Amino acid sequence: MNPVYDLVSERLVSYFGVPADLVRPEATMEDLEIDSLVLAEIAVILEDECGFRVEDAVAGATADMTLGEIAARLDRERLRAQSGKPAESDESGEWRAEPAEHAS
């Protein structure tokens, strides 16, 4: 997956006691018994460890979202923070961030 997925997975197991065999990209928040409070706690942990704001990335997460989808949102926010670009929303109001441009 990506470094953010790996970090989130590790924290779910170590901080919240989610069985490691259940932590996989296609697992939904409901499968993992993760509610909005746990997501908020994960956001605080990641902000402390990674140094970028993740609140917007987990806002609006639903029980049917997968761990892979949440990690992808977080990774986009990480890239956005590194690039200094503001987060944008599309016509549906869904949050998204532009990926960082890489210099050649």
N, C-alpha and C. Protein backbone atom coordinates (compact mmCIF):
# COMPACT_ATOMS: atom_id res chain seq x y z
N MET A 1 0.86 -1.19 0.00
CA MET A 1 0.00 0.00 0.00
C MET A 1 0.90 1.25 0.00
N ASN A 2 0.85 2.00 1.09
CA ASN A 2 1.67 3.20 1.20
C ASN A 2 2.09 3.37 2.66
N PRO A 3 3.04 4.25 2.92
CA PRO A 3 3.53 4.41 4.30
C PRO A 3 2.43 4.82 5.28
N VAL A 4 1.47 5.62 4.83
CA VAL A 4 0.39 6.04 5.71
C VAL A 4 -0.48 4.84 6.07
N TYR A 5 -0.79 4.00 5.09
CA TYR A 5 -1.57 2.78 5.36
C TYR A 5 -0.84 1.93 6.40
N ASP A 6 0.47 1.74 6.21
CA ASP A 6 1.25 0.93 7.14
C ASP A 6 1.19 1.50 8.55
N LEU A 7 1.33 2.81 8.66
CA LEU A 7 1.30 3.45 9.97
C LEU A 7 -0.07 3.32 10.63
N VAL A 8 -1.14 3.57 9.87
CA VAL A 8 -2.49 3.44 10.41
C VAL A 8 -2.72 2.00 10.86
N SER A 9 -2.32 1.04 10.05
CA SER A 9 -2.50 -0.37 10.39
C SER A 9 -1.78 -0.72 11.69
N GLU A 10 -0.53 -0.27 11.80
CA GLU A 10 0.25 -0.54 13.01
C GLU A 10 -0.41 0.07 14.24
N ARG A 11 -0.92 1.29 14.10
CA ARG A 11 -1.54 1.96 15.25
C ARG A 11 -2.87 1.31 15.63
N LEU A 12 -3.62 0.83 14.66
CA LEU A 12 -4.87 0.13 14.98
C LEU A 12 -4.59 -1.10 15.83
N VAL A 13 -3.53 -1.80 15.51
CA VAL A 13 -3.17 -3.00 16.26
C VAL A 13 -2.59 -2.62 17.63
N SER A 14 -1.60 -1.71 17.64
CA SER A 14 -0.90 -1.42 18.89
C SER A 14 -1.68 -0.54 19.87
N TYR A 15 -2.39 0.46 19.39
CA TYR A 15 -3.11 1.37 20.28
C TYR A 15 -4.54 0.91 20.58
N PHE A 16 -5.19 0.30 19.60
CA PHE A 16 -6.61 0.01 19.74
C PHE A 16 -6.94 -1.47 19.81
N GLY A 17 -5.91 -2.32 19.76
CA GLY A 17 -6.12 -3.75 19.93
C GLY A 17 -6.88 -4.46 18.83
N VAL A 18 -6.90 -3.87 17.64
CA VAL A 18 -7.56 -4.54 16.51
C VAL A 18 -6.69 -5.73 16.12
N PRO A 19 -7.27 -6.93 16.01
CA PRO A 19 -6.48 -8.11 15.63
C PRO A 19 -5.80 -7.89 14.28
N ALA A 20 -4.50 -8.16 14.23
CA ALA A 20 -3.70 -7.91 13.02
C ALA A 20 -4.26 -8.63 11.80
N ASP A 21 -4.84 -9.82 11.99
CA ASP A 21 -5.35 -10.56 10.83
C ASP A 21 -6.60 -9.92 10.23
N LEU A 22 -7.24 -9.01 10.95
CA LEU A 22 -8.41 -8.30 10.41
C LEU A 22 -8.02 -7.03 9.67
N VAL A 23 -6.82 -6.53 9.93
CA VAL A 23 -6.37 -5.27 9.34
C VAL A 23 -5.87 -5.53 7.93
N ARG A 24 -6.70 -5.15 6.96
CA ARG A 24 -6.37 -5.31 5.54
C ARG A 24 -7.06 -4.19 4.77
N PRO A 25 -6.57 -3.85 3.60
CA PRO A 25 -7.10 -2.69 2.87
C PRO A 25 -8.61 -2.74 2.61
N GLU A 26 -9.15 -3.92 2.37
CA GLU A 26 -10.57 -4.02 2.03
C GLU A 26 -11.49 -4.09 3.25
N ALA A 27 -10.93 -4.12 4.45
CA ALA A 27 -11.74 -4.16 5.67
C ALA A 27 -12.43 -2.81 5.87
N THR A 28 -13.72 -2.84 6.15
CA THR A 28 -14.45 -1.60 6.40
C THR A 28 -14.28 -1.18 7.85
N MET A 29 -14.62 0.06 8.12
CA MET A 29 -14.56 0.54 9.49
C MET A 29 -15.49 -0.30 10.37
N GLU A 30 -16.62 -0.69 9.82
CA GLU A 30 -17.55 -1.54 10.56
C GLU A 30 -16.92 -2.90 10.86
N ASP A 31 -16.24 -3.50 9.87
CA ASP A 31 -15.56 -4.78 10.07
C ASP A 31 -14.57 -4.69 11.23
N LEU A 32 -13.87 -3.57 11.31
CA LEU A 32 -12.83 -3.38 12.32
C LEU A 32 -13.37 -2.81 13.63
N GLU A 33 -14.68 -2.55 13.66
CA GLU A 33 -15.35 -1.97 14.82
C GLU A 33 -14.74 -0.62 15.21
N ILE A 34 -14.48 0.18 14.16
CA ILE A 34 -13.92 1.51 14.35
C ILE A 34 -15.04 2.53 14.17
N ASP A 35 -15.24 3.35 15.18
CA ASP A 35 -16.26 4.38 15.09
C ASP A 35 -15.60 5.75 14.93
N SER A 36 -16.41 6.78 14.89
CA SER A 36 -15.88 8.12 14.66
C SER A 36 -14.95 8.57 15.78
N LEU A 37 -15.18 8.11 17.00
CA LEU A 37 -14.30 8.47 18.11
C LEU A 37 -12.90 7.89 17.91
N VAL A 38 -12.83 6.63 17.49
CA VAL A 38 -11.53 6.00 17.23
C VAL A 38 -10.84 6.72 16.07
N LEU A 39 -11.59 7.07 15.03
CA LEU A 39 -10.99 7.81 13.91
C LEU A 39 -10.42 9.14 14.38
N ALA A 40 -11.14 9.82 15.26
CA ALA A 40 -10.64 11.09 15.79
C ALA A 40 -9.35 10.87 16.59
N GLU A 41 -9.30 9.79 17.36
CA GLU A 41 -8.09 9.47 18.12
C GLU A 41 -6.93 9.15 17.18
N ILE A 42 -7.22 8.41 16.12
CA ILE A 42 -6.19 8.08 15.13
C ILE A 42 -5.66 9.37 14.50
N ALA A 43 -6.56 10.31 14.21
CA ALA A 43 -6.16 11.59 13.62
C ALA A 43 -5.17 12.31 14.53
N VAL A 44 -5.44 12.34 15.83
CA VAL A 44 -4.54 13.01 16.78
C VAL A 44 -3.19 12.31 16.80
N ILE A 45 -3.19 10.99 16.84
CA ILE A 45 -1.93 10.22 16.86
C ILE A 45 -1.12 10.52 15.61
N LEU A 46 -1.77 10.47 14.45
CA LEU A 46 -1.06 10.71 13.19
C LEU A 46 -0.54 12.14 13.09
N GLU A 47 -1.34 13.09 13.54
CA GLU A 47 -0.87 14.48 13.52
C GLU A 47 0.38 14.63 14.38
N ASP A 48 0.38 14.00 15.55
CA ASP A 48 1.55 14.08 16.43
C ASP A 48 2.76 13.40 15.81
N GLU A 49 2.56 12.25 15.20
CA GLU A 49 3.68 11.48 14.67
C GLU A 49 4.17 11.97 13.31
N CYS A 50 3.26 12.47 12.49
CA CYS A 50 3.61 12.81 11.10
C CYS A 50 3.76 14.29 10.84
N GLY A 51 3.16 15.11 11.70
CA GLY A 51 3.32 16.55 11.54
C GLY A 51 2.45 17.18 10.47
N PHE A 52 1.38 16.51 10.04
CA PHE A 52 0.45 17.14 9.11
C PHE A 52 -0.97 16.95 9.63
N ARG A 53 -1.83 17.90 9.28
CA ARG A 53 -3.21 17.87 9.76
C ARG A 53 -4.01 16.82 9.00
N VAL A 54 -4.70 15.96 9.74
CA VAL A 54 -5.44 14.88 9.09
C VAL A 54 -6.94 14.94 9.35
N GLU A 55 -7.37 15.92 10.11
CA GLU A 55 -8.78 16.00 10.47
C GLU A 55 -9.69 16.01 9.25
N ASP A 56 -9.35 16.80 8.23
CA ASP A 56 -10.18 16.87 7.03
C ASP A 56 -10.24 15.54 6.30
N ALA A 57 -9.17 14.78 6.37
CA ALA A 57 -9.11 13.50 5.66
C ALA A 57 -10.03 12.45 6.28
N VAL A 58 -10.24 12.51 7.59
CA VAL A 58 -11.11 11.52 8.23
C VAL A 58 -12.52 12.05 8.46
N ALA A 59 -12.72 13.35 8.29
CA ALA A 59 -14.06 13.91 8.44
C ALA A 59 -14.98 13.30 7.39
N GLY A 60 -16.14 12.92 7.81
CA GLY A 60 -17.11 12.35 6.88
C GLY A 60 -16.90 10.89 6.57
N ALA A 61 -15.94 10.26 7.22
CA ALA A 61 -15.72 8.83 7.00
C ALA A 61 -16.95 8.07 7.50
N THR A 62 -17.32 7.06 6.77
CA THR A 62 -18.51 6.28 7.11
C THR A 62 -18.12 4.84 7.44
N ALA A 63 -19.04 4.12 8.06
CA ALA A 63 -18.78 2.74 8.47
C ALA A 63 -18.47 1.82 7.30
N ASP A 64 -18.96 2.18 6.10
CA ASP A 64 -18.71 1.30 4.95
C ASP A 64 -17.44 1.66 4.17
N MET A 65 -16.72 2.69 4.63
CA MET A 65 -15.44 3.02 3.99
C MET A 65 -14.40 1.99 4.40
N THR A 66 -13.50 1.68 3.48
CA THR A 66 -12.47 0.69 3.78
C THR A 66 -11.24 1.37 4.37
N LEU A 67 -10.43 0.56 5.01
CA LEU A 67 -9.17 1.05 5.56
C LEU A 67 -8.30 1.60 4.44
N GLY A 68 -8.32 0.95 3.29
CA GLY A 68 -7.56 1.43 2.14
C GLY A 68 -8.03 2.80 1.68
N GLU A 69 -9.34 3.02 1.68
CA GLU A 69 -9.88 4.33 1.28
C GLU A 69 -9.48 5.43 2.27
N ILE A 70 -9.56 5.11 3.55
CA ILE A 70 -9.17 6.09 4.58
C ILE A 70 -7.68 6.41 4.44
N ALA A 71 -6.86 5.37 4.26
CA ALA A 71 -5.42 5.57 4.12
C ALA A 71 -5.11 6.41 2.88
N ALA A 72 -5.84 6.18 1.79
CA ALA A 72 -5.62 6.97 0.57
C ALA A 72 -5.96 8.44 0.82
N ARG A 73 -7.04 8.71 1.54
CA ARG A 73 -7.40 10.09 1.88
C ARG A 73 -6.29 10.74 2.71
N LEU A 74 -5.79 9.98 3.69
CA LEU A 74 -4.72 10.50 4.54
C LEU A 74 -3.45 10.75 3.74
N ASP A 75 -3.15 9.85 2.81
CA ASP A 75 -1.94 10.03 2.00
C ASP A 75 -2.07 11.25 1.09
N ARG A 76 -3.25 11.48 0.53
CA ARG A 76 -3.46 12.69 -0.28
C ARG A 76 -3.26 13.94 0.56
N GLU A 77 -3.73 13.90 1.81
CA GLU A 77 -3.55 15.05 2.69
C GLU A 77 -2.07 15.24 3.01
N ARG A 78 -1.34 14.16 3.20
CA ARG A 78 0.11 14.24 3.45
C ARG A 78 0.80 14.91 2.26
N LEU A 79 0.46 14.47 1.06
CA LEU A 79 1.06 15.04 -0.15
C LEU A 79 0.68 16.51 -0.31
N ARG A 80 -0.58 16.83 0.00
CA ARG A 80 -1.03 18.21 -0.09
C ARG A 80 -0.27 19.09 0.89
N ALA A 81 -0.10 18.58 2.11
CA ALA A 81 0.62 19.35 3.13
C ALA A 81 2.07 19.58 2.71
N GLN A 82 2.68 18.57 2.13
CA GLN A 82 4.07 18.71 1.68
C GLN A 82 4.20 19.72 0.54
N SER A 83 3.18 19.77 -0.32
CA SER A 83 3.25 20.67 -1.47
C SER A 83 2.82 22.09 -1.13
N GLY A 84 2.11 22.25 -0.01
CA GLY A 84 1.62 23.57 0.37
C GLY A 84 0.35 23.97 -0.35
N LYS A 85 -0.25 23.05 -1.12
CA LYS A 85 -1.49 23.36 -1.83
C LYS A 85 -2.68 23.19 -0.90
N PRO A 86 -3.70 24.04 -1.03
CA PRO A 86 -4.89 23.89 -0.20
C PRO A 86 -5.73 22.71 -0.67
N ALA A 87 -6.47 22.13 0.26
CA ALA A 87 -7.40 21.06 -0.09
C ALA A 87 -8.53 21.67 -0.90
N GLU A 88 -9.09 20.89 -1.80
CA GLU A 88 -10.19 21.34 -2.64
C GLU A 88 -11.37 20.41 -2.45
N SER A 89 -12.54 20.85 -2.88
CA SER A 89 -13.68 19.94 -2.90
C SER A 89 -14.23 19.93 -4.30
N ASP A 90 -14.76 18.77 -4.70
CA ASP A 90 -15.32 18.67 -6.04
C ASP A 90 -16.77 19.13 -6.01
N GLU A 91 -17.47 18.99 -7.11
CA GLU A 91 -18.84 19.50 -7.20
C GLU A 91 -19.78 18.82 -6.22
N SER A 92 -19.49 17.59 -5.82
CA SER A 92 -20.36 16.89 -4.88
C SER A 92 -20.12 17.33 -3.44
N GLY A 93 -19.09 18.17 -3.23
CA GLY A 93 -18.75 18.58 -1.88
C GLY A 93 -17.81 17.60 -1.20
N GLU A 94 -17.44 16.56 -1.91
CA GLU A 94 -16.53 15.54 -1.38
C GLU A 94 -15.13 16.13 -1.28
N TRP A 95 -14.47 15.91 -0.16
CA TRP A 95 -13.12 16.43 0.04
C TRP A 95 -12.14 15.71 -0.85
N ARG A 96 -11.16 16.46 -1.38
CA ARG A 96 -10.05 15.84 -2.10
C ARG A 96 -8.88 16.80 -2.03
N ALA A 97 -7.71 16.28 -2.24
CA ALA A 97 -6.51 17.11 -2.25
C ALA A 97 -5.74 16.80 -3.51
N GLU A 98 -5.09 17.81 -4.04
CA GLU A 98 -4.26 17.61 -5.22
C GLU A 98 -2.94 16.97 -4.79
N PRO A 99 -2.45 15.98 -5.53
CA PRO A 99 -1.15 15.39 -5.19
C PRO A 99 -0.02 16.39 -5.44
N ALA A 100 1.05 16.19 -4.74
CA ALA A 100 2.22 17.06 -4.91
C ALA A 100 2.83 16.85 -6.27
N GLU A 101 3.35 17.94 -6.86
CA GLU A 101 4.07 17.83 -8.12
C GLU A 101 5.50 17.48 -7.79
N HIS A 102 6.09 16.57 -8.55
CA HIS A 102 7.46 16.15 -8.30
C HIS A 102 8.39 16.85 -9.27
N ALA A 103 9.45 17.40 -8.73
CA ALA A 103 10.46 18.05 -9.57
C ALA A 103 11.32 17.00 -10.24
N SER A 104 11.72 17.26 -11.47
CA SER A 104 12.56 16.31 -12.20
C SER A 104 14.00 16.55 -11.91
